Amino acid sequence: MSEGIQDTQPYLNDALFIMGSRSNYFKTGDDKIIHALFPKATIKLLEAGHWIHAERPEEFGQEVISYLKS
């Protein structure tokens, strides 16, 4: 995940990451990188591949709406 990151200044506002548990793009330890760069990040892992919004549209939408309401 960190290979393409140029800026190492953390983003200090809230951020939501929704990832698929079967995605090849999310690897063990990536959550540490996310929290280092986005200290206030919320990470949600859904049972899906990389295309979460297409595979689990209801769950994806619920996560986004719930996050935006909080």
Protein backbone atom coordinates (compact mmCIF):
# COMPACT_ATOMS: atom_id res chain seq x y z
CA MET A 1 0.00 0.00 0.00
CA SER A 2 2.69 2.51 0.91
CA GLU A 3 4.69 2.27 -2.34
CA GLY A 4 2.71 5.05 -4.01
CA ILE A 5 2.50 7.41 -1.02
CA GLN A 6 4.47 10.60 -1.59
CA ASP A 7 3.31 12.84 1.26
CA THR A 8 3.92 11.61 4.79
CA GLN A 9 2.06 14.43 6.54
CA PRO A 10 -0.85 12.85 8.41
CA TYR A 11 -4.41 13.86 7.56
CA LEU A 12 -5.84 14.87 10.94
CA ASN A 13 -9.56 14.83 10.14
CA ASP A 14 -11.95 11.90 10.12
CA ALA A 15 -11.64 9.42 7.26
CA LEU A 16 -13.48 6.24 6.32
CA PHE A 17 -11.83 3.25 4.65
CA ILE A 18 -14.10 0.45 3.48
CA MET A 19 -12.26 -2.60 2.23
CA GLY A 20 -13.14 -6.05 1.01
CA SER A 21 -11.78 -8.92 3.07
CA ARG A 22 -11.01 -10.86 -0.12
CA SER A 23 -9.32 -7.95 -1.90
CA ASN A 24 -5.71 -8.42 -3.00
CA TYR A 25 -5.14 -4.71 -2.40
CA PHE A 26 -5.45 -4.86 1.40
CA LYS A 27 -2.59 -6.73 3.03
CA THR A 28 -1.67 -7.56 6.60
CA GLY A 29 -0.18 -4.46 8.21
CA ASP A 30 -1.89 -1.96 5.90
CA ASP A 31 -4.11 -0.87 8.78
CA LYS A 32 -0.98 0.38 10.58
CA ILE A 33 0.00 2.44 7.54
CA ILE A 34 -3.53 3.84 7.29
CA HIS A 35 -3.59 4.83 10.97
CA ALA A 36 -0.14 6.40 10.71
CA LEU A 37 -1.30 8.65 7.86
CA PHE A 38 -4.95 8.98 8.96
CA PRO A 39 -4.88 8.88 12.79
CA LYS A 40 -8.65 9.33 13.05
CA ALA A 41 -9.46 6.72 10.39
CA THR A 42 -12.33 4.29 10.70
CA ILE A 43 -11.64 1.04 8.86
CA LYS A 44 -14.52 -1.23 7.89
CA LEU A 45 -13.89 -4.65 6.42
CA LEU A 46 -16.75 -6.22 4.47
CA GLU A 47 -16.95 -9.76 3.14
CA ALA A 48 -16.19 -8.89 -0.50
CA GLY A 49 -13.44 -8.55 -3.06
CA HIS A 50 -12.06 -5.24 -4.35
CA TRP A 51 -15.36 -4.01 -5.85
CA ILE A 52 -17.21 -3.68 -2.54
CA HIS A 53 -19.82 -1.24 -3.81
CA ALA A 54 -20.80 -3.69 -6.57
CA GLU A 55 -20.61 -6.90 -4.54
CA ARG A 56 -22.27 -5.61 -1.36
CA PRO A 57 -24.14 -2.44 -2.36
CA GLU A 58 -26.55 -2.47 0.61
CA GLU A 59 -23.85 -3.00 3.23
CA PHE A 60 -21.56 -0.48 1.54
CA GLY A 61 -24.31 2.14 1.47
CA GLN A 62 -25.22 1.48 5.09
CA GLU A 63 -21.60 1.92 6.19
CA VAL A 64 -21.26 5.20 4.30
CA ILE A 65 -24.56 6.61 5.57
CA SER A 66 -23.81 5.53 9.13
CA TYR A 67 -20.38 7.17 8.97
CA LEU A 68 -21.74 10.42 7.52
CA LYS A 69 -24.40 10.61 10.23
CA SER A 70 -21.87 10.17 13.02
